[in-house]
Amino acid sequence: MRDLIEWNPGFLMRWPEQWTHSLPSADVSETDTHVIVTADVPGVDPDDLDVTITDESLTIRGEVRQEQDTNERGFRRIERRYGSFHRVIPLPVSVKHDEAVASCRNGVLEVRVPKAEQGRSRAVRLRIDKGQAGSH
């Protein structure tokens, strides 16, 4: 491995892109009236998140931006993730997507959506409130 890194010093800089397929980690829970999706999005500005919802799934897209040029700092190893990600999370029941709300605080995205008798087949883009998660 050391020979590979010395031969191709950019090897570890590109490695994090391979991990993005599993981002972000998410939990899906239900109450009697709502489906709640909580996702970890550390280092992501809420303005860089795009959240859409249908009656069947929630899609989270975003980007973690690199703040400094790695060439200027002389890095020997880079493990923090940068770049785009997206995740489609199946919802356990039909929901009222027009009534969904999203908030993001301290790197945690929370989407709360009321359950519906019958789902609809269109997608709705959600506005993300930068207030405290779980304050609804």
C-alpha atoms as a PDB file:
ATOM      1  CA  MET A   1       0.000   0.000   0.000  1.00  0.00           C
ATOM      2  CA  ARG A   2       2.824   2.409   0.860  1.00  0.00           C
ATOM      3  CA  ASP A   3       4.282   1.867  -2.624  1.00  0.00           C
ATOM      4  CA  LEU A   4       0.885   2.630  -4.147  1.00  0.00           C
ATOM      5  CA  ILE A   5       0.578   5.863  -2.178  1.00  0.00           C
ATOM      6  CA  GLU A   6       4.121   6.946  -3.071  1.00  0.00           C
ATOM      7  CA  TRP A   7       3.492   6.098  -6.739  1.00  0.00           C
ATOM      8  CA  ASN A   8       0.122   7.891  -6.758  1.00  0.00           C
ATOM      9  CA  PRO A   9      -0.031  10.499  -3.969  1.00  0.00           C
ATOM     10  CA  GLY A  10      -3.607  11.414  -4.923  1.00  0.00           C
ATOM     11  CA  PHE A  11      -4.807   7.886  -4.115  1.00  0.00           C
ATOM     12  CA  LEU A  12      -6.062   8.699  -0.615  1.00  0.00           C
ATOM     13  CA  MET A  13      -7.506  12.034  -1.719  1.00  0.00           C
ATOM     14  CA  ARG A  14      -9.918  10.230  -4.039  1.00  0.00           C
ATOM     15  CA  TRP A  15     -10.734   7.359  -1.682  1.00  0.00           C
ATOM     16  CA  PRO A  16     -13.534   9.169   0.237  1.00  0.00           C
ATOM     17  CA  GLU A  17     -15.595   9.480  -2.964  1.00  0.00           C
ATOM     18  CA  GLN A  18     -16.051   5.707  -2.836  1.00  0.00           C
ATOM     19  CA  TRP A  19     -17.774   5.973   0.556  1.00  0.00           C
ATOM     20  CA  THR A  20     -20.426   8.449  -0.531  1.00  0.00           C
ATOM     21  CA  HIS A  21     -22.840   5.767  -1.768  1.00  0.00           C
ATOM     22  CA  SER A  22     -23.885   5.070   1.829  1.00  0.00           C
ATOM     23  CA  LEU A  23     -24.330   8.664   2.969  1.00  0.00           C
ATOM     24  CA  PRO A  24     -26.100   9.875   4.940  1.00  0.00           C
ATOM     25  CA  SER A  25     -26.890   7.436   7.748  1.00  0.00           C
ATOM     26  CA  ALA A  26     -30.586   7.640   8.542  1.00  0.00           C
ATOM     27  CA  ASP A  27     -33.212   6.429  11.007  1.00  0.00           C
ATOM     28  CA  VAL A  28     -36.903   6.085  10.148  1.00  0.00           C
ATOM     29  CA  SER A  29     -39.441   6.060  12.971  1.00  0.00           C
ATOM     30  CA  GLU A  30     -43.202   6.331  13.302  1.00  0.00           C
ATOM     31  CA  THR A  31     -45.655   7.779  15.760  1.00  0.00           C
ATOM     32  CA  ASP A  32     -49.416   7.280  15.541  1.00  0.00           C
ATOM     33  CA  THR A  33     -49.641  10.270  13.201  1.00  0.00           C
ATOM     34  CA  HIS A  34     -46.215  10.879  11.610  1.00  0.00           C
ATOM     35  CA  VAL A  35     -43.238   9.305   9.889  1.00  0.00           C
ATOM     36  CA  ILE A  36     -39.969  10.845  11.071  1.00  0.00           C
ATOM     37  CA  VAL A  37     -36.693  10.516   9.180  1.00  0.00           C
ATOM     38  CA  THR A  38     -33.513  11.634  10.926  1.00  0.00           C
ATOM     39  CA  ALA A  39     -30.290  11.718   8.894  1.00  0.00           C
ATOM     40  CA  ASP A  40     -26.709  12.582   9.798  1.00  0.00           C
ATOM     41  CA  VAL A  41     -25.353  15.297   7.506  1.00  0.00           C
ATOM     42  CA  PRO A  42     -22.264  16.579   9.372  1.00  0.00           C
ATOM     43  CA  GLY A  43     -20.363  19.340   7.637  1.00  0.00           C
ATOM     44  CA  VAL A  44     -23.174  20.017   5.172  1.00  0.00           C
ATOM     45  CA  ASP A  45     -24.582  23.535   4.953  1.00  0.00           C
ATOM     46  CA  PRO A  46     -28.406  23.281   4.945  1.00  0.00           C
ATOM     47  CA  ASP A  47     -28.344  25.457   1.799  1.00  0.00           C
ATOM     48  CA  ASP A  48     -26.413  22.633   0.085  1.00  0.00           C
ATOM     49  CA  LEU A  49     -29.151  20.070   0.842  1.00  0.00           C
ATOM     50  CA  ASP A  50     -31.935  19.143  -1.569  1.00  0.00           C
ATOM     51  CA  VAL A  51     -34.734  17.095  -0.010  1.00  0.00           C
ATOM     52  CA  THR A  52     -37.673  15.730  -2.017  1.00  0.00           C
ATOM     53  CA  ILE A  53     -40.484  13.467  -0.917  1.00  0.00           C
ATOM     54  CA  THR A  54     -43.057  11.257  -2.643  1.00  0.00           C
ATOM     55  CA  ASP A  55     -45.674   8.983  -1.136  1.00  0.00           C
ATOM     56  CA  GLU A  56     -43.116   6.152  -1.220  1.00  0.00           C
ATOM     57  CA  SER A  57     -39.701   7.664  -0.472  1.00  0.00           C
ATOM     58  CA  LEU A  58     -37.578  10.541   0.757  1.00  0.00           C
ATOM     59  CA  THR A  59     -34.548  11.599  -1.293  1.00  0.00           C
ATOM     60  CA  ILE A  60     -31.679  13.532   0.265  1.00  0.00           C
ATOM     61  CA  ARG A  61     -29.025  15.088  -1.962  1.00  0.00           C
ATOM     62  CA  GLY A  62     -26.187  17.266  -0.784  1.00  0.00           C
ATOM     63  CA  GLU A  63     -22.580  18.237  -0.988  1.00  0.00           C
ATOM     64  CA  VAL A  64     -19.782  18.480   1.545  1.00  0.00           C
ATOM     65  CA  ARG A  65     -17.505  21.239   0.323  1.00  0.00           C
ATOM     66  CA  GLN A  66     -13.761  21.245   0.920  1.00  0.00           C
ATOM     67  CA  GLU A  67     -12.745  24.496   2.586  1.00  0.00           C
ATOM     68  CA  GLN A  68      -9.006  24.511   1.805  1.00  0.00           C
ATOM     69  CA  ASP A  69      -6.844  23.532  -1.125  1.00  0.00           C
ATOM     70  CA  THR A  70      -5.150  20.241  -0.206  1.00  0.00           C
ATOM     71  CA  ASN A  71      -2.132  20.996  -2.397  1.00  0.00           C
ATOM     72  CA  GLU A  72      -1.220  24.064  -0.334  1.00  0.00           C
ATOM     73  CA  ARG A  73      -1.335  22.305   3.040  1.00  0.00           C
ATOM     74  CA  GLY A  74       0.947  19.337   2.289  1.00  0.00           C
ATOM     75  CA  PHE A  75      -1.484  16.633   3.414  1.00  0.00           C
ATOM     76  CA  ARG A  76      -0.131  13.113   3.793  1.00  0.00           C
ATOM     77  CA  ARG A  77      -3.526  11.575   4.485  1.00  0.00           C
ATOM     78  CA  ILE A  78      -7.087  12.734   3.914  1.00  0.00           C
ATOM     79  CA  GLU A  79      -9.950  10.781   5.476  1.00  0.00           C
ATOM     80  CA  ARG A  80     -12.640  13.423   5.782  1.00  0.00           C
ATOM     81  CA  ARG A  81     -15.262  13.105   3.071  1.00  0.00           C
ATOM     82  CA  TYR A  82     -15.888  15.740   0.435  1.00  0.00           C
ATOM     83  CA  GLY A  83     -18.153  15.748  -2.570  1.00  0.00           C
ATOM     84  CA  SER A  84     -21.727  15.035  -3.523  1.00  0.00           C
ATOM     85  CA  PHE A  85     -23.973  12.364  -2.073  1.00  0.00           C
ATOM     86  CA  HIS A  86     -27.547  11.220  -2.378  1.00  0.00           C
ATOM     87  CA  ARG A  87     -29.718   8.724  -0.585  1.00  0.00           C
ATOM     88  CA  VAL A  88     -33.218   7.429  -1.289  1.00  0.00           C
ATOM     89  CA  ILE A  89     -34.999   6.273   1.854  1.00  0.00           C
ATOM     90  CA  PRO A  90     -38.160   4.170   1.469  1.00  0.00           C
ATOM     91  CA  LEU A  91     -41.057   5.288   3.657  1.00  0.00           C
ATOM     92  CA  PRO A  92     -42.990   2.603   5.576  1.00  0.00           C
ATOM     93  CA  VAL A  93     -46.466   4.043   4.859  1.00  0.00           C
ATOM     94  CA  SER A  94     -48.147   6.549   2.548  1.00  0.00           C
ATOM     95  CA  VAL A  95     -47.685  10.136   3.683  1.00  0.00           C
ATOM     96  CA  LYS A  96     -49.125  13.621   3.142  1.00  0.00           C
ATOM     97  CA  HIS A  97     -46.063  15.052   1.403  1.00  0.00           C
ATOM     98  CA  ASP A  98     -47.614  18.537   1.090  1.00  0.00           C
ATOM     99  CA  GLU A  99     -47.458  18.786   4.896  1.00  0.00           C
ATOM    100  CA  ALA A 100     -43.862  17.596   5.357  1.00  0.00           C
ATOM    101  CA  VAL A 101     -41.429  19.818   7.239  1.00  0.00           C
ATOM    102  CA  ALA A 102     -37.641  19.612   7.395  1.00  0.00           C
ATOM    103  CA  SER A 103     -35.143  21.112   9.808  1.00  0.00           C
ATOM    104  CA  CYS A 104     -31.369  20.853  10.131  1.00  0.00           C
ATOM    105  CA  ARG A 105     -29.352  21.600  13.248  1.00  0.00           C
ATOM    106  CA  ASN A 106     -25.895  20.503  14.389  1.00  0.00           C
ATOM    107  CA  GLY A 107     -25.439  18.203  11.406  1.00  0.00           C
ATOM    108  CA  VAL A 108     -28.746  16.368  11.856  1.00  0.00           C
ATOM    109  CA  LEU A 109     -31.525  16.625   9.271  1.00  0.00           C
ATOM    110  CA  GLU A 110     -35.024  15.823  10.523  1.00  0.00           C
ATOM    111  CA  VAL A 111     -38.029  15.382   8.235  1.00  0.00           C
ATOM    112  CA  ARG A 112     -41.482  14.999   9.795  1.00  0.00           C
ATOM    113  CA  VAL A 113     -44.400  14.071   7.587  1.00  0.00           C
ATOM    114  CA  PRO A 114     -47.984  13.167   8.552  1.00  0.00           C
ATOM    115  CA  LYS A 115     -49.280   9.740   7.596  1.00  0.00           C
ATOM    116  CA  ALA A 116     -51.970   9.608   4.902  1.00  0.00           C
ATOM    117  CA  GLU A 117     -54.872   7.302   4.154  1.00  0.00           C
ATOM    118  CA  GLN A 118     -53.831   7.189   0.487  1.00  0.00           C
ATOM    119  CA  GLY A 119     -50.559   8.405  -0.993  1.00  0.00           C
ATOM    120  CA  ARG A 120     -50.162  10.648  -3.998  1.00  0.00           C
ATOM    121  CA  SER A 121     -47.766  10.018  -6.850  1.00  0.00           C
ATOM    122  CA  ARG A 122     -46.003  13.367  -7.204  1.00  0.00           C
ATOM    123  CA  ALA A 123     -42.787  14.648  -5.655  1.00  0.00           C
ATOM    124  CA  VAL A 124     -42.540  17.731  -3.454  1.00  0.00           C
ATOM    125  CA  ARG A 125     -39.300  19.665  -2.751  1.00  0.00           C
ATOM    126  CA  LEU A 126     -38.979  20.634   0.912  1.00  0.00           C
ATOM    127  CA  ARG A 127     -37.668  23.888   2.358  1.00  0.00           C
ATOM    128  CA  ILE A 128     -35.186  23.226   5.162  1.00  0.00           C
ATOM    129  CA  ASP A 129     -35.573  25.254   8.338  1.00  0.00           C
ATOM    130  CA  LYS A 130     -32.198  25.985   9.960  1.00  0.00           C
ATOM    131  CA  GLY A 131     -33.767  25.983  13.422  1.00  0.00           C
ATOM    132  CA  GLN A 132     -33.481  23.343  16.094  1.00  0.00           C
ATOM    133  CA  ALA A 133     -34.190  19.737  15.049  1.00  0.00           C
ATOM    134  CA  GLY A 134     -37.129  18.175  16.872  1.00  0.00           C
ATOM    135  CA  SER A 135     -38.653  21.512  17.872  1.00  0.00           C
ATOM    136  CA  HIS A 136     -41.952  20.898  16.066  1.00  0.00           C
END
